[in-house]
Amino acid sequence: MHPILKQLIEPYAPKTIEDYTNSLKETIQHLALLGLWRNKFYEHAALYGGTALRIFYGLNRFSEDLDFSLLKSDEGFSLEPHCTAIEKELASVGLESHVRIKQKSQDSTIESAFIKANTIKNFIAIDVGQDVTDLLPKTHHLKIKFELDHNPPYKLDTEVKTLLIPIPFQVRLVSVPDLFAGKVHAVLCRSWKTRIKGRDFYDFVWHVAHKHLINLKGLSLRMQQTGHLEPGVFLTKKDLGEALNKRFAAIDFKQAKQDVAPFIKDSQELSLWSVDFFKELIPQIVCC
């Protein structure tokens, strides 16, 4: 195993196929962030979403995607050269990957790409035993979605944080109040085609538990941009509480728990999930 991979994988102490899969995904994310730093990506964009919370703030669940927002609107910005930088970084430690941009629809502000990696080949690179690799088909691939919002709804507050492995490098992040605003927007406004994304609700609980402030104006601007609020209308704390009450009452929390369970180690974290449990959290939200 490449010494950098050893350094990144060992803290997970993986034992099961799920452990190895999650630790490999997070290692790929970590190295992708490094490749983007080398390519000056953070001069233009900031990381947000579950991966930002997981890697930099200690969120206790695995995250699948890399979500970014440009610091200012720029429809001409392209992910293409940065995809190449990610492939190069992963290859430097013996991981095989392909990063491909997905064709963007004309009315979308989101540019998407996928980091695709053959699971067995990369399991071999991190010294996973044959007893584990034999459980997977040879064509099995890991996929990590890489998304960039070209048109942020307002000027996001950001900060820079440092990672020390495999070398010291820095990542620009969306600030916590804006991260919380983005998460509450997902809780209130995300539409699910087949399955509730319980990870949104898990992160909501995490933000409340850590007494994070929420940028209520930023949330309002996000909801205006997506058509969930009329232009010029801004939520009050009372409005937010009423909207969350209504949303929680409509959620099947059994389905929500099933979605998030594979991404956490202690399922008892979810044992209290119910409409009443989530409604009890609303008064604890602090706005800024």
Protein backbone atom coordinates (compact mmCIF):
# COMPACT_ATOMS: atom_id res chain seq x y z
CA MET A 1 0.00 0.00 0.00
CA HIS A 2 1.24 3.50 -0.82
CA PRO A 3 2.33 5.17 2.46
CA ILE A 4 -0.13 8.03 1.96
CA LEU A 5 -3.02 5.57 1.52
CA LYS A 6 -1.85 3.72 4.63
CA GLN A 7 -1.86 7.01 6.55
CA LEU A 8 -5.38 7.86 5.38
CA ILE A 9 -7.00 4.41 5.71
CA GLU A 10 -5.55 3.14 9.00
CA PRO A 11 -7.54 5.48 11.33
CA TYR A 12 -10.78 3.87 10.11
CA ALA A 13 -9.63 0.38 11.19
CA PRO A 14 -11.91 -1.16 8.53
CA LYS A 15 -13.09 -4.74 8.96
CA THR A 16 -16.24 -5.24 6.86
CA ILE A 17 -16.90 -4.55 3.19
CA GLU A 18 -19.00 -1.54 4.24
CA ASP A 19 -16.10 -0.22 6.34
CA TYR A 20 -13.67 -0.55 3.46
CA THR A 21 -16.09 1.04 1.01
CA ASN A 22 -16.76 4.04 3.24
CA SER A 23 -13.10 4.52 4.13
CA LEU A 24 -12.08 4.31 0.45
CA LYS A 25 -14.75 6.83 -0.55
CA GLU A 26 -13.62 9.27 2.12
CA THR A 27 -9.97 8.79 1.15
CA ILE A 28 -10.86 9.60 -2.46
CA GLN A 29 -12.72 12.71 -1.28
CA HIS A 30 -9.74 13.79 0.82
CA LEU A 31 -7.31 13.39 -2.08
CA ALA A 32 -9.73 15.10 -4.46
CA LEU A 33 -9.75 18.14 -2.15
CA LEU A 34 -5.94 18.15 -2.29
CA GLY A 35 -5.91 17.95 -6.08
CA LEU A 36 -8.34 20.85 -6.27
CA TRP A 37 -6.13 22.91 -3.95
CA ARG A 38 -3.10 22.27 -6.16
CA ASN A 39 -5.19 23.46 -9.12
CA LYS A 40 -6.22 26.75 -7.39
CA PHE A 41 -9.89 25.72 -7.36
CA TYR A 42 -10.59 27.38 -4.00
CA GLU A 43 -9.79 30.79 -5.45
CA HIS A 44 -13.15 30.42 -7.20
CA ALA A 45 -15.29 28.08 -5.09
CA ALA A 46 -16.06 26.87 -1.57
CA LEU A 47 -17.02 23.44 -0.21
CA TYR A 48 -20.37 22.95 1.47
CA GLY A 49 -22.74 20.10 2.40
CA GLY A 50 -22.24 16.89 4.35
CA THR A 51 -18.63 16.30 3.30
CA ALA A 52 -17.61 19.73 4.64
CA LEU A 53 -19.33 18.90 7.93
CA ARG A 54 -17.80 15.42 8.08
CA ILE A 55 -14.17 16.24 7.30
CA PHE A 56 -13.84 19.64 8.97
CA TYR A 57 -16.44 19.73 11.76
CA GLY A 58 -16.71 16.13 12.94
CA LEU A 59 -20.14 15.14 11.63
CA ASN A 60 -20.56 11.50 12.67
CA ARG A 61 -21.75 10.08 9.36
CA PHE A 62 -20.15 9.26 6.05
CA SER A 63 -20.96 11.54 3.13
CA GLU A 64 -21.12 10.52 -0.54
CA ASP A 65 -20.86 13.78 -2.47
CA LEU A 66 -18.52 16.73 -2.98
CA ASP A 67 -20.67 19.87 -3.18
CA PHE A 68 -19.23 23.29 -4.05
CA SER A 69 -20.51 26.76 -4.78
CA LEU A 70 -18.76 29.43 -6.80
CA LEU A 71 -17.93 32.50 -4.74
CA LYS A 72 -19.72 34.62 -7.34
CA SER A 73 -21.92 33.77 -10.30
CA ASP A 74 -20.01 32.70 -13.40
CA GLU A 75 -21.79 30.63 -16.02
CA GLY A 76 -18.56 30.36 -18.04
CA PHE A 77 -16.60 28.56 -15.31
CA SER A 78 -15.79 24.92 -16.16
CA LEU A 79 -15.01 21.88 -14.02
CA GLU A 80 -13.06 20.24 -16.86
CA PRO A 81 -9.47 21.16 -15.85
CA HIS A 82 -10.24 20.43 -12.21
CA CYS A 83 -11.51 16.94 -13.04
CA THR A 84 -8.12 16.22 -14.59
CA ALA A 85 -6.42 17.49 -11.42
CA ILE A 86 -8.44 15.02 -9.31
CA GLU A 87 -7.53 12.05 -11.56
CA LYS A 88 -3.86 13.04 -11.36
CA GLU A 89 -3.91 13.28 -7.56
CA LEU A 90 -5.54 9.89 -7.14
CA ALA A 91 -3.17 8.27 -9.63
CA SER A 92 -0.16 9.63 -7.71
CA VAL A 93 -0.96 7.25 -4.82
CA GLY A 94 -1.99 4.28 -6.97
CA LEU A 95 -5.76 4.80 -7.13
CA GLU A 96 -7.42 4.38 -10.51
CA SER A 97 -10.27 6.76 -11.36
CA HIS A 98 -12.13 8.52 -14.14
CA VAL A 99 -13.83 11.86 -13.61
CA ARG A 100 -16.48 12.68 -16.17
CA ILE A 101 -18.69 15.75 -16.46
CA LYS A 102 -22.41 15.18 -16.87
CA GLN A 103 -24.20 17.19 -19.54
CA LYS A 104 -25.94 20.11 -17.80
CA SER A 105 -29.53 20.96 -18.68
CA GLN A 106 -30.02 24.47 -20.05
CA ASP A 107 -32.11 25.70 -17.11
CA SER A 108 -29.82 24.27 -14.38
CA THR A 109 -27.18 26.28 -12.52
CA ILE A 110 -25.56 23.08 -11.23
CA GLU A 111 -22.62 21.53 -13.08
CA SER A 112 -22.11 17.87 -12.17
CA ALA A 113 -19.33 15.34 -12.57
CA PHE A 114 -18.75 11.83 -11.22
CA ILE A 115 -15.57 10.40 -9.79
CA LYS A 116 -15.81 6.75 -10.84
CA ALA A 117 -13.39 4.14 -9.50
CA ASN A 118 -13.26 0.37 -9.96
CA THR A 119 -13.85 -0.96 -6.45
CA ILE A 120 -11.81 -4.17 -6.61
CA LYS A 121 -8.76 -2.56 -8.25
CA ASN A 122 -8.71 0.15 -5.61
CA PHE A 123 -9.43 -2.31 -2.80
CA ILE A 124 -6.28 -4.13 -3.89
CA ALA A 125 -4.41 -0.78 -3.74
CA ILE A 126 -5.39 -0.44 -0.06
CA ASP A 127 -4.56 -4.08 0.76
CA VAL A 128 -8.09 -5.38 1.22
CA GLY A 129 -7.98 -9.18 1.54
CA GLN A 130 -9.32 -11.51 -1.12
CA ASP A 131 -12.05 -12.72 1.26
CA VAL A 132 -13.55 -9.22 0.95
CA THR A 133 -12.86 -8.56 -2.75
CA ASP A 134 -14.44 -11.92 -3.68
CA LEU A 135 -17.77 -10.56 -2.40
CA LEU A 136 -17.93 -8.02 -5.23
CA PRO A 137 -18.38 -8.41 -8.99
CA LYS A 138 -15.32 -7.37 -11.00
CA THR A 139 -17.28 -4.56 -12.65
CA HIS A 140 -18.37 -2.96 -9.35
CA HIS A 141 -17.58 0.77 -9.19
CA LEU A 142 -17.62 3.45 -6.53
CA LYS A 143 -19.21 6.72 -7.60
CA ILE A 144 -18.76 10.08 -5.91
CA LYS A 145 -20.82 12.95 -7.23
CA PHE A 146 -18.94 16.23 -7.68
CA GLU A 147 -21.26 19.24 -8.06
CA LEU A 148 -20.69 22.97 -8.51
CA ASP A 149 -23.36 25.65 -8.17
CA HIS A 150 -22.59 28.35 -10.74
CA ASN A 151 -25.17 30.79 -9.39
CA PRO A 152 -25.17 31.12 -5.59
CA PRO A 153 -28.29 32.90 -4.30
CA TYR A 154 -26.25 35.44 -2.31
CA LYS A 155 -22.65 36.25 -1.37
CA LEU A 156 -21.71 33.32 0.85
CA ASP A 157 -19.62 33.83 3.95
CA THR A 158 -16.57 31.54 3.80
CA GLU A 159 -13.57 30.53 5.86
CA VAL A 160 -10.36 28.64 5.15
CA LYS A 161 -9.38 25.50 7.07
CA THR A 162 -6.20 23.45 6.92
CA LEU A 163 -5.68 19.70 6.52
CA LEU A 164 -2.23 18.28 7.30
CA ILE A 165 -2.32 14.91 5.51
CA PRO A 166 -0.81 13.95 3.10
CA ILE A 167 0.74 17.44 3.02
CA PRO A 168 -0.51 20.67 4.63
CA PHE A 169 -3.13 22.23 2.35
CA GLN A 170 -6.13 24.51 2.72
CA VAL A 171 -9.77 24.27 1.68
CA ARG A 172 -12.22 27.14 1.46
CA LEU A 173 -15.51 26.28 3.19
CA VAL A 174 -18.91 27.89 3.37
CA SER A 175 -19.39 29.22 6.93
CA VAL A 176 -21.41 27.18 9.44
CA PRO A 177 -24.47 29.53 9.53
CA ASP A 178 -24.68 29.29 5.74
CA LEU A 179 -24.14 25.51 5.85
CA PHE A 180 -27.05 25.27 8.31
CA ALA A 181 -29.17 27.47 6.03
CA GLY A 182 -28.40 25.17 3.10
CA LYS A 183 -29.31 22.11 5.14
CA VAL A 184 -32.64 23.57 6.30
CA HIS A 185 -33.38 24.50 2.69
CA ALA A 186 -32.88 20.82 1.81
CA VAL A 187 -35.12 19.71 4.71
CA LEU A 188 -37.89 22.09 3.65
CA CYS A 189 -37.61 22.09 -0.12
CA ARG A 190 -35.91 18.98 -1.44
CA SER A 191 -38.23 16.78 -3.48
CA TRP A 192 -37.65 13.04 -3.25
CA LYS A 193 -38.36 10.92 -6.31
CA THR A 194 -38.40 7.54 -4.58
CA ARG A 195 -36.88 7.79 -1.11
CA ILE A 196 -36.63 10.41 1.63
CA LYS A 197 -33.07 11.59 2.13
CA GLY A 198 -32.73 10.92 5.84
CA ARG A 199 -29.22 12.34 5.78
CA ASP A 200 -30.72 15.85 5.60
CA PHE A 201 -32.60 15.22 8.84
CA TYR A 202 -29.56 13.67 10.52
CA ASP A 203 -27.51 16.77 9.70
CA PHE A 204 -30.34 19.01 10.91
CA VAL A 205 -30.24 17.29 14.32
CA TRP A 206 -26.44 17.62 14.37
CA HIS A 207 -26.56 21.37 13.71
CA VAL A 208 -29.17 21.92 16.43
CA ALA A 209 -27.24 19.75 18.92
CA HIS A 210 -24.13 21.86 18.36
CA LYS A 211 -26.12 25.09 18.81
CA HIS A 212 -25.10 26.43 15.42
CA LEU A 213 -26.57 29.72 14.25
CA ILE A 214 -28.58 29.68 11.04
CA ASN A 215 -28.42 32.48 8.46
CA LEU A 216 -32.16 33.08 8.17
CA LYS A 217 -31.78 35.74 5.47
CA GLY A 218 -29.59 33.36 3.48
CA LEU A 219 -32.20 30.60 3.83
CA SER A 220 -34.88 33.02 2.60
CA LEU A 221 -32.77 33.97 -0.44
CA ARG A 222 -32.23 30.28 -1.25
CA MET A 223 -35.97 29.66 -1.06
CA GLN A 224 -36.65 32.68 -3.26
CA GLN A 225 -34.17 31.37 -5.84
CA THR A 226 -35.84 27.94 -5.96
CA GLY A 227 -39.38 29.37 -6.07
CA HIS A 228 -40.36 28.34 -2.53
CA LEU A 229 -40.76 31.97 -1.46
CA GLU A 230 -41.97 34.98 -3.40
CA PRO A 231 -39.22 37.46 -4.40
CA GLY A 232 -38.60 39.96 -1.62
CA VAL A 233 -40.26 37.82 1.08
CA PHE A 234 -38.07 36.99 4.08
CA LEU A 235 -38.82 34.42 6.76
CA THR A 236 -39.17 35.34 10.40
CA LYS A 237 -38.22 32.84 13.08
CA LYS A 238 -41.95 32.18 13.56
CA ASP A 239 -42.35 31.51 9.82
CA LEU A 240 -39.44 29.08 9.95
CA GLY A 241 -40.97 27.21 12.88
CA GLU A 242 -44.32 26.90 11.14
CA ALA A 243 -42.70 25.67 7.91
CA LEU A 244 -40.65 23.06 9.77
CA ASN A 245 -43.69 21.90 11.77
CA LYS A 246 -45.61 21.37 8.55
CA ARG A 247 -42.70 19.58 6.86
CA PHE A 248 -42.00 17.24 9.78
CA ALA A 249 -45.67 16.26 9.99
CA ALA A 250 -45.47 15.01 6.39
CA ILE A 251 -42.31 12.89 6.76
CA ASP A 252 -42.18 9.10 7.04
CA PHE A 253 -39.34 8.89 9.55
CA LYS A 254 -39.13 5.12 9.22
CA GLN A 255 -38.02 5.64 5.60
CA ALA A 256 -35.73 8.50 6.64
CA LYS A 257 -33.95 6.24 9.14
CA GLN A 258 -33.48 3.51 6.52
CA ASP A 259 -31.77 6.02 4.23
CA VAL A 260 -29.22 7.28 6.74
CA ALA A 261 -28.51 4.03 8.65
CA PRO A 262 -25.78 2.75 6.24
CA PHE A 263 -23.79 5.96 6.79
CA ILE A 264 -23.54 5.82 10.60
CA LYS A 265 -22.05 3.29 13.03
CA ASP A 266 -24.52 3.51 15.92
CA SER A 267 -28.13 3.01 14.84
CA GLN A 268 -29.35 4.01 18.31
CA GLU A 269 -28.71 7.60 17.26
CA LEU A 270 -31.93 7.25 15.27
CA SER A 271 -34.07 5.52 17.90
CA LEU A 272 -35.96 8.67 18.92
CA TRP A 273 -36.74 9.83 15.40
CA SER A 274 -40.41 10.73 15.07
CA VAL A 275 -42.54 13.73 14.16
CA ASP A 276 -42.72 14.75 17.84
CA PHE A 277 -38.95 14.43 18.31
CA PHE A 278 -38.20 16.77 15.40
CA LYS A 279 -40.86 19.26 16.43
CA GLU A 280 -39.23 19.48 19.87
CA LEU A 281 -36.02 20.69 18.21
CA ILE A 282 -37.59 23.73 16.53
CA PRO A 283 -37.48 26.09 19.58
CA GLN A 284 -33.76 25.34 19.96
CA ILE A 285 -32.87 26.89 16.56
CA VAL A 286 -30.98 30.19 16.90
CA CYS A 287 -31.07 32.61 13.97
CA CYS A 288 -28.55 35.24 12.97
